[in-house]
Amino acid sequence: MKVVEIILYLSKKIIRVKIGFYAEYAKNMYTISCKEAGQMDCDYVAKGKTKEEAVADGLNHTKKEHPEDYKKMMDSVGEKGIKAELMNMVKEE
């Protein structure tokens, strides 16, 4: 009987820990989609635990997958300008 009680107790603790982890992770998720940034033919969604991480993920994706557009943006507003524009588009999930 004691073994069953301990297993049930541990199971409840494990479930609580998992729920708490996912709730905390979801609370701190920031996203920006390529479509929101003007790439209508791309379904990529940049993600991060902070706005800065989401913007960095988006910039890395843009450099790799949309190099022509990235170059145009760099020539017109520079990296600081791109980051500022993307920061305004980031959504908290």
Foldseek 3Di string as FASTA:
>chain_A
DVVVVVVVVVVVVVVVVVVVVVVLQLQQKKWAAVVLVPPVVDGDIFIDSHLVNSLVSVLVCCVPPPVVVNVVCCVPPRPVRSSVVSSVRMDRD
